[in-house]
Amino acid sequence: MRIDVVTLFPQFFAPIIEGSIIGRSQAKRIVEIRVHDLWDHVPQGERADDAPYGGGPGMVLRLGPLVACIERLLGPQLKPPAGCRIIVTSPAGRRFDQDAASALAGLERLIIICGHYEGIDERFFSLVSASELSLGDFVLTGGEIPALAFIDACVRLLPGAINPESTQAESFAQGGLDWPHYTRPANFRGLGVPEVLLSGDHARIARWRAESAKSRTAERRPDLG
């Protein structure tokens, strides 16, 4: 899979995409991530943003640099080929969830445009086949943090990135939360772990985990039930 990120702040990404699971996945050629500096497509002496027509606070990302960058990535047709998707980080988009992460992980190529300020010129969506995606119902300074979240959630689902058993048993994989987890020591300041987990009875452990996941979901996230 290839992921392209278009951003005004490319330095934001290196510490995350070069380390841990994402970094190892790139080293194993499971994914290739390229970060593109939007300033490279801003003519000298000009700005990447401008004041909104009609007045009001904030600034809007200009069309010229954005379209020039997409043309560099896809060619003059500005249309992603089959297996490729362009998303723009925006609180106006569909809220990101595990299903969305799975859909992104099924792509051959993903292009993420990091929104900023008041957003991007709306005409961009008339020129480029793109959709908006939101990290949640709140506003951030820019789209870099959502982009990193989308990348992380997507890459870990790619074959070979992590142990497949981990993704099959974790929260949201089956529509609910994961069961509680414990590790050594078995007793810490008088707090023990459920006896069943020390029993070695795998059938009992499996039942306990299923029941615990169900009750935990009902208690903490009833909206998932």
C-alpha atoms as a PDB file:
ATOM      1  CA  MET A   1       0.000   0.000   0.000  1.00  0.00           C
ATOM      2  CA  ARG A   2       1.117   3.569  -0.640  1.00  0.00           C
ATOM      3  CA  ILE A   3       0.013   6.544   1.445  1.00  0.00           C
ATOM      4  CA  ASP A   4       0.636  10.140   0.346  1.00  0.00           C
ATOM      5  CA  VAL A   5       0.171  12.970   2.838  1.00  0.00           C
ATOM      6  CA  VAL A   6      -0.198  16.592   1.720  1.00  0.00           C
ATOM      7  CA  THR A   7       0.572  19.048   4.513  1.00  0.00           C
ATOM      8  CA  LEU A   8       1.889  22.497   5.337  1.00  0.00           C
ATOM      9  CA  PHE A   9       3.911  20.951   8.165  1.00  0.00           C
ATOM     10  CA  PRO A  10       5.808  17.875   6.878  1.00  0.00           C
ATOM     11  CA  GLN A  11       8.153  17.865   9.892  1.00  0.00           C
ATOM     12  CA  PHE A  12       5.181  16.822  12.028  1.00  0.00           C
ATOM     13  CA  PHE A  13       5.176  13.274  10.628  1.00  0.00           C
ATOM     14  CA  ALA A  14       8.693  11.816  10.767  1.00  0.00           C
ATOM     15  CA  PRO A  15       8.794  10.935  14.498  1.00  0.00           C
ATOM     16  CA  ILE A  16       5.622   8.848  14.155  1.00  0.00           C
ATOM     17  CA  ILE A  17       5.834   7.223  10.734  1.00  0.00           C
ATOM     18  CA  GLU A  18       9.495   6.264  11.136  1.00  0.00           C
ATOM     19  CA  GLY A  19       9.046   4.412  14.429  1.00  0.00           C
ATOM     20  CA  SER A  20       7.186   1.505  16.004  1.00  0.00           C
ATOM     21  CA  ILE A  21       4.736  -0.531  13.904  1.00  0.00           C
ATOM     22  CA  ILE A  22       4.473   2.032  11.104  1.00  0.00           C
ATOM     23  CA  GLY A  23       8.242   2.306  10.742  1.00  0.00           C
ATOM     24  CA  ARG A  24       8.692  -1.464  10.759  1.00  0.00           C
ATOM     25  CA  SER A  25       5.892  -1.861   8.218  1.00  0.00           C
ATOM     26  CA  GLN A  26       7.678   0.540   5.901  1.00  0.00           C
ATOM     27  CA  ALA A  27      10.961  -1.315   6.381  1.00  0.00           C
ATOM     28  CA  LYS A  28       9.187  -4.563   5.433  1.00  0.00           C
ATOM     29  CA  ARG A  29       7.637  -2.820   2.394  1.00  0.00           C
ATOM     30  CA  ILE A  30       4.133  -3.475   3.645  1.00  0.00           C
ATOM     31  CA  VAL A  31       3.398   0.218   3.232  1.00  0.00           C
ATOM     32  CA  GLU A  32       5.161   3.192   1.685  1.00  0.00           C
ATOM     33  CA  ILE A  33       4.399   6.612   3.150  1.00  0.00           C
ATOM     34  CA  ARG A  34       5.366   9.795   1.317  1.00  0.00           C
ATOM     35  CA  VAL A  35       4.878  13.212   2.901  1.00  0.00           C
ATOM     36  CA  HIS A  36       4.494  16.133   0.492  1.00  0.00           C
ATOM     37  CA  ASP A  37       5.115  19.744   1.506  1.00  0.00           C
ATOM     38  CA  LEU A  38       2.268  21.893   0.191  1.00  0.00           C
ATOM     39  CA  TRP A  39       4.624  24.889   0.263  1.00  0.00           C
ATOM     40  CA  ASP A  40       6.505  23.317  -2.662  1.00  0.00           C
ATOM     41  CA  HIS A  41       3.460  24.144  -4.795  1.00  0.00           C
ATOM     42  CA  VAL A  42       3.039  27.742  -3.621  1.00  0.00           C
ATOM     43  CA  PRO A  43       4.546  30.258  -6.091  1.00  0.00           C
ATOM     44  CA  GLN A  44       7.354  32.331  -4.606  1.00  0.00           C
ATOM     45  CA  GLY A  45       6.053  35.417  -2.858  1.00  0.00           C
ATOM     46  CA  GLU A  46       2.505  34.053  -2.563  1.00  0.00           C
ATOM     47  CA  ARG A  47       0.579  32.516   0.328  1.00  0.00           C
ATOM     48  CA  ALA A  48      -0.899  29.059   0.812  1.00  0.00           C
ATOM     49  CA  ASP A  49      -3.998  30.629   2.356  1.00  0.00           C
ATOM     50  CA  ASP A  50      -6.115  33.738   1.931  1.00  0.00           C
ATOM     51  CA  ALA A  51      -9.021  35.574   3.534  1.00  0.00           C
ATOM     52  CA  PRO A  52     -12.502  34.125   2.923  1.00  0.00           C
ATOM     53  CA  TYR A  53     -14.838  35.799   0.472  1.00  0.00           C
ATOM     54  CA  GLY A  54     -17.696  37.436   2.354  1.00  0.00           C
ATOM     55  CA  GLY A  55     -15.469  38.313   5.282  1.00  0.00           C
ATOM     56  CA  GLY A  56     -15.199  36.685   8.665  1.00  0.00           C
ATOM     57  CA  PRO A  57     -12.411  35.314  10.838  1.00  0.00           C
ATOM     58  CA  GLY A  58      -9.751  32.832   9.828  1.00  0.00           C
ATOM     59  CA  MET A  59      -8.093  31.914   6.566  1.00  0.00           C
ATOM     60  CA  VAL A  60      -8.860  29.400   3.799  1.00  0.00           C
ATOM     61  CA  LEU A  61      -6.393  27.149   1.962  1.00  0.00           C
ATOM     62  CA  ARG A  62      -6.135  28.307  -1.646  1.00  0.00           C
ATOM     63  CA  LEU A  63      -7.024  26.118  -4.609  1.00  0.00           C
ATOM     64  CA  GLY A  64      -3.888  26.628  -6.689  1.00  0.00           C
ATOM     65  CA  PRO A  65      -1.335  24.852  -4.484  1.00  0.00           C
ATOM     66  CA  LEU A  66      -3.734  22.021  -3.632  1.00  0.00           C
ATOM     67  CA  VAL A  67      -4.648  21.312  -7.251  1.00  0.00           C
ATOM     68  CA  ALA A  68      -1.006  21.581  -8.346  1.00  0.00           C
ATOM     69  CA  CYS A  69      -0.016  18.993  -5.748  1.00  0.00           C
ATOM     70  CA  ILE A  70      -2.768  16.568  -6.780  1.00  0.00           C
ATOM     71  CA  GLU A  71      -1.781  17.021 -10.434  1.00  0.00           C
ATOM     72  CA  ARG A  72       1.776  16.085  -9.464  1.00  0.00           C
ATOM     73  CA  LEU A  73       0.496  12.948  -7.732  1.00  0.00           C
ATOM     74  CA  LEU A  74      -2.213  11.823 -10.169  1.00  0.00           C
ATOM     75  CA  GLY A  75      -1.789  13.752 -13.396  1.00  0.00           C
ATOM     76  CA  PRO A  76      -4.033  16.405 -14.985  1.00  0.00           C
ATOM     77  CA  GLN A  77      -7.181  14.287 -14.805  1.00  0.00           C
ATOM     78  CA  LEU A  78      -7.337  14.865 -11.001  1.00  0.00           C
ATOM     79  CA  LYS A  79      -9.247  11.624 -10.631  1.00  0.00           C
ATOM     80  CA  PRO A  80      -7.966   8.800  -8.430  1.00  0.00           C
ATOM     81  CA  PRO A  81      -7.690   5.465 -10.252  1.00  0.00           C
ATOM     82  CA  ALA A  82      -9.364   2.292  -9.034  1.00  0.00           C
ATOM     83  CA  GLY A  83      -8.010   1.277  -5.645  1.00  0.00           C
ATOM     84  CA  CYS A  84      -7.074   4.850  -4.729  1.00  0.00           C
ATOM     85  CA  ARG A  85      -8.945   7.339  -2.573  1.00  0.00           C
ATOM     86  CA  ILE A  86      -8.391  10.997  -1.686  1.00  0.00           C
ATOM     87  CA  ILE A  87      -9.556  12.182   1.720  1.00  0.00           C
ATOM     88  CA  VAL A  88      -9.453  15.621   3.310  1.00  0.00           C
ATOM     89  CA  THR A  89      -9.262  15.890   7.089  1.00  0.00           C
ATOM     90  CA  SER A  90     -12.246  17.970   8.190  1.00  0.00           C
ATOM     91  CA  PRO A  91     -14.745  18.069  11.082  1.00  0.00           C
ATOM     92  CA  ALA A  92     -17.423  18.213   8.361  1.00  0.00           C
ATOM     93  CA  GLY A  93     -16.630  14.685   7.205  1.00  0.00           C
ATOM     94  CA  ARG A  94     -17.890  11.280   8.226  1.00  0.00           C
ATOM     95  CA  ARG A  95     -16.680  10.341  11.692  1.00  0.00           C
ATOM     96  CA  PHE A  96     -13.752   7.925  11.571  1.00  0.00           C
ATOM     97  CA  ASP A  97     -14.246   4.480  13.111  1.00  0.00           C
ATOM     98  CA  GLN A  98     -12.924   0.933  12.849  1.00  0.00           C
ATOM     99  CA  ASP A  99     -15.028   0.214   9.760  1.00  0.00           C
ATOM    100  CA  ALA A 100     -13.511   3.254   8.066  1.00  0.00           C
ATOM    101  CA  ALA A 101     -10.025   2.070   9.044  1.00  0.00           C
ATOM    102  CA  SER A 102     -10.724  -1.338   7.510  1.00  0.00           C
ATOM    103  CA  ALA A 103     -11.963   0.288   4.307  1.00  0.00           C
ATOM    104  CA  LEU A 104      -8.795   2.380   4.028  1.00  0.00           C
ATOM    105  CA  ALA A 105      -6.618  -0.670   4.677  1.00  0.00           C
ATOM    106  CA  GLY A 106      -8.227  -2.346   1.661  1.00  0.00           C
ATOM    107  CA  LEU A 107      -6.974   0.343  -0.722  1.00  0.00           C
ATOM    108  CA  GLU A 108      -3.880   0.191  -2.893  1.00  0.00           C
ATOM    109  CA  ARG A 109      -3.234   3.896  -2.439  1.00  0.00           C
ATOM    110  CA  LEU A 110      -4.487   6.598  -0.099  1.00  0.00           C
ATOM    111  CA  ILE A 111      -3.949  10.347  -0.427  1.00  0.00           C
ATOM    112  CA  ILE A 112      -4.604  12.409   2.709  1.00  0.00           C
ATOM    113  CA  ILE A 113      -4.864  16.198   2.514  1.00  0.00           C
ATOM    114  CA  CYS A 114      -4.417  17.893   5.879  1.00  0.00           C
ATOM    115  CA  GLY A 115      -6.964  20.658   6.284  1.00  0.00           C
ATOM    116  CA  HIS A 116      -6.039  23.882   8.074  1.00  0.00           C
ATOM    117  CA  TYR A 117      -7.481  27.169   9.243  1.00  0.00           C
ATOM    118  CA  GLU A 118     -11.160  27.439   8.229  1.00  0.00           C
ATOM    119  CA  GLY A 119     -10.712  24.606   5.734  1.00  0.00           C
ATOM    120  CA  ILE A 120     -10.054  24.481   2.000  1.00  0.00           C
ATOM    121  CA  ASP A 121     -11.734  26.320  -0.860  1.00  0.00           C
ATOM    122  CA  GLU A 122     -14.989  24.421  -1.450  1.00  0.00           C
ATOM    123  CA  ARG A 123     -14.413  24.411  -5.211  1.00  0.00           C
ATOM    124  CA  PHE A 124     -11.706  21.811  -4.640  1.00  0.00           C
ATOM    125  CA  PHE A 125     -14.417  19.153  -4.347  1.00  0.00           C
ATOM    126  CA  SER A 126     -15.818  20.161  -7.751  1.00  0.00           C
ATOM    127  CA  LEU A 127     -12.408  19.669  -9.346  1.00  0.00           C
ATOM    128  CA  VAL A 128     -11.101  16.642  -7.468  1.00  0.00           C
ATOM    129  CA  SER A 129     -12.868  13.411  -6.566  1.00  0.00           C
ATOM    130  CA  ALA A 130     -12.285  13.553  -2.804  1.00  0.00           C
ATOM    131  CA  SER A 131     -14.216  13.008   0.409  1.00  0.00           C
ATOM    132  CA  GLU A 132     -13.921  14.447   3.903  1.00  0.00           C
ATOM    133  CA  LEU A 133     -13.125  12.384   6.989  1.00  0.00           C
ATOM    134  CA  SER A 134     -13.347  13.547  10.606  1.00  0.00           C
ATOM    135  CA  LEU A 135     -11.519  12.285  13.680  1.00  0.00           C
ATOM    136  CA  GLY A 136     -14.452  13.354  15.851  1.00  0.00           C
ATOM    137  CA  ASP A 137     -16.857  16.126  16.728  1.00  0.00           C
ATOM    138  CA  PHE A 138     -14.239  18.635  17.841  1.00  0.00           C
ATOM    139  CA  VAL A 139     -11.876  21.105  16.190  1.00  0.00           C
ATOM    140  CA  LEU A 140      -8.082  20.815  16.056  1.00  0.00           C
ATOM    141  CA  THR A 141      -5.475  23.333  14.946  1.00  0.00           C
ATOM    142  CA  GLY A 142      -4.809  21.345  11.784  1.00  0.00           C
ATOM    143  CA  GLY A 143      -5.294  18.035  10.054  1.00  0.00           C
ATOM    144  CA  GLU A 144      -1.939  16.488  10.907  1.00  0.00           C
ATOM    145  CA  ILE A 145      -3.088  14.714  14.080  1.00  0.00           C
ATOM    146  CA  PRO A 146      -6.171  13.218  12.362  1.00  0.00           C
ATOM    147  CA  ALA A 147      -3.993  12.152   9.416  1.00  0.00           C
ATOM    148  CA  LEU A 148      -1.612  10.326  11.750  1.00  0.00           C
ATOM    149  CA  ALA A 149      -4.548   8.642  13.479  1.00  0.00           C
ATOM    150  CA  PHE A 150      -5.960   7.494  10.133  1.00  0.00           C
ATOM    151  CA  ILE A 151      -2.551   6.166   9.069  1.00  0.00           C
ATOM    152  CA  ASP A 152      -1.928   4.323  12.336  1.00  0.00           C
ATOM    153  CA  ALA A 153      -5.374   2.701  12.407  1.00  0.00           C
ATOM    154  CA  CYS A 154      -5.040   1.689   8.748  1.00  0.00           C
ATOM    155  CA  VAL A 155      -1.444   0.399   8.712  1.00  0.00           C
ATOM    156  CA  ARG A 156      -1.875  -1.906  11.714  1.00  0.00           C
ATOM    157  CA  LEU A 157      -4.606  -3.738   9.765  1.00  0.00           C
ATOM    158  CA  LEU A 158      -2.372  -4.467   6.772  1.00  0.00           C
ATOM    159  CA  PRO A 159      -1.281  -8.109   6.426  1.00  0.00           C
ATOM    160  CA  GLY A 160       2.083  -8.601   8.104  1.00  0.00           C
ATOM    161  CA  ALA A 161       2.029  -5.382  10.133  1.00  0.00           C
ATOM    162  CA  ILE A 162       1.131  -7.082  13.431  1.00  0.00           C
ATOM    163  CA  ASN A 163       0.012 -10.484  14.658  1.00  0.00           C
ATOM    164  CA  PRO A 164      -3.417 -11.046  13.029  1.00  0.00           C
ATOM    165  CA  GLU A 165      -4.745 -12.544  16.264  1.00  0.00           C
ATOM    166  CA  SER A 166      -4.280  -9.147  17.896  1.00  0.00           C
ATOM    167  CA  THR A 167      -6.573  -7.371  15.442  1.00  0.00           C
ATOM    168  CA  GLN A 168      -9.185 -10.129  15.488  1.00  0.00           C
ATOM    169  CA  ALA A 169      -9.633 -10.057  19.264  1.00  0.00           C
ATOM    170  CA  GLU A 170      -9.322  -6.344  20.065  1.00  0.00           C
ATOM    171  CA  SER A 171     -11.990  -3.734  20.715  1.00  0.00           C
ATOM    172  CA  PHE A 172     -14.441  -3.112  17.841  1.00  0.00           C
ATOM    173  CA  ALA A 173     -13.261  -6.157  15.872  1.00  0.00           C
ATOM    174  CA  GLN A 174     -16.458  -7.971  16.863  1.00  0.00           C
ATOM    175  CA  GLY A 175     -18.555  -4.850  17.318  1.00  0.00           C
ATOM    176  CA  GLY A 176     -17.842  -4.331  21.018  1.00  0.00           C
ATOM    177  CA  LEU A 177     -15.056  -3.708  23.498  1.00  0.00           C
ATOM    178  CA  ASP A 178     -12.205  -6.057  24.327  1.00  0.00           C
ATOM    179  CA  TRP A 179     -12.099  -7.964  27.620  1.00  0.00           C
ATOM    180  CA  PRO A 180     -10.005  -6.705  30.591  1.00  0.00           C
ATOM    181  CA  HIS A 181      -6.308  -7.554  30.526  1.00  0.00           C
ATOM    182  CA  TYR A 182      -3.885  -8.391  33.351  1.00  0.00           C
ATOM    183  CA  THR A 183      -0.173  -9.214  33.524  1.00  0.00           C
ATOM    184  CA  ARG A 184       2.525 -10.012  36.099  1.00  0.00           C
ATOM    185  CA  PRO A 185       2.746  -9.796  39.052  1.00  0.00           C
ATOM    186  CA  ALA A 186      -0.306 -11.832  40.048  1.00  0.00           C
ATOM    187  CA  ASN A 187      -0.631  -9.717  43.201  1.00  0.00           C
ATOM    188  CA  PHE A 188       0.194  -6.023  43.399  1.00  0.00           C
ATOM    189  CA  ARG A 189      -0.408  -4.203  46.683  1.00  0.00           C
ATOM    190  CA  GLY A 190      -3.133  -6.648  47.570  1.00  0.00           C
ATOM    191  CA  LEU A 191      -4.837  -6.514  44.191  1.00  0.00           C
ATOM    192  CA  GLY A 192      -5.051  -9.891  42.471  1.00  0.00           C
ATOM    193  CA  VAL A 193      -6.239 -11.040  39.078  1.00  0.00           C
ATOM    194  CA  PRO A 194      -9.341 -13.130  38.321  1.00  0.00           C
ATOM    195  CA  GLU A 195      -8.688 -16.727  39.377  1.00  0.00           C
ATOM    196  CA  VAL A 196      -9.909 -18.123  36.089  1.00  0.00           C
ATOM    197  CA  LEU A 197      -6.978 -16.513  34.237  1.00  0.00           C
ATOM    198  CA  LEU A 198      -4.546 -18.495  36.389  1.00  0.00           C
ATOM    199  CA  SER A 199      -6.423 -21.783  36.057  1.00  0.00           C
ATOM    200  CA  GLY A 200      -4.941 -22.961  32.769  1.00  0.00           C
ATOM    201  CA  ASP A 201      -8.453 -24.004  31.699  1.00  0.00           C
ATOM    202  CA  HIS A 202      -8.630 -22.504  28.224  1.00  0.00           C
ATOM    203  CA  ALA A 203     -12.344 -23.192  27.778  1.00  0.00           C
ATOM    204  CA  ARG A 204     -13.171 -21.372  31.031  1.00  0.00           C
ATOM    205  CA  ILE A 205     -10.850 -18.534  30.104  1.00  0.00           C
ATOM    206  CA  ALA A 206     -12.530 -18.155  26.703  1.00  0.00           C
ATOM    207  CA  ARG A 207     -15.981 -18.052  28.327  1.00  0.00           C
ATOM    208  CA  TRP A 208     -14.809 -15.522  30.921  1.00  0.00           C
ATOM    209  CA  ARG A 209     -13.333 -13.302  28.243  1.00  0.00           C
ATOM    210  CA  ALA A 210     -16.489 -13.406  26.119  1.00  0.00           C
ATOM    211  CA  GLU A 211     -18.718 -12.636  29.101  1.00  0.00           C
ATOM    212  CA  SER A 212     -16.391  -9.905  30.368  1.00  0.00           C
ATOM    213  CA  ALA A 213     -16.221  -8.250  26.957  1.00  0.00           C
ATOM    214  CA  LYS A 214     -20.006  -8.255  26.730  1.00  0.00           C
ATOM    215  CA  SER A 215     -20.551  -6.807  30.215  1.00  0.00           C
ATOM    216  CA  ARG A 216     -17.759  -4.268  29.747  1.00  0.00           C
ATOM    217  CA  THR A 217     -19.332  -3.057  26.511  1.00  0.00           C
ATOM    218  CA  ALA A 218     -22.758  -2.764  28.147  1.00  0.00           C
ATOM    219  CA  GLU A 219     -21.288  -0.792  31.052  1.00  0.00           C
ATOM    220  CA  ARG A 220     -18.859   1.515  29.256  1.00  0.00           C
ATOM    221  CA  ARG A 221     -20.157   1.748  25.695  1.00  0.00           C
ATOM    222  CA  PRO A 222     -23.854   0.811  25.637  1.00  0.00           C
ATOM    223  CA  ASP A 223     -24.118   2.528  22.248  1.00  0.00           C
ATOM    224  CA  LEU A 224     -22.195  -0.409  20.779  1.00  0.00           C
ATOM    225  CA  GLY A 225     -24.618  -3.014  22.075  1.00  0.00           C
END
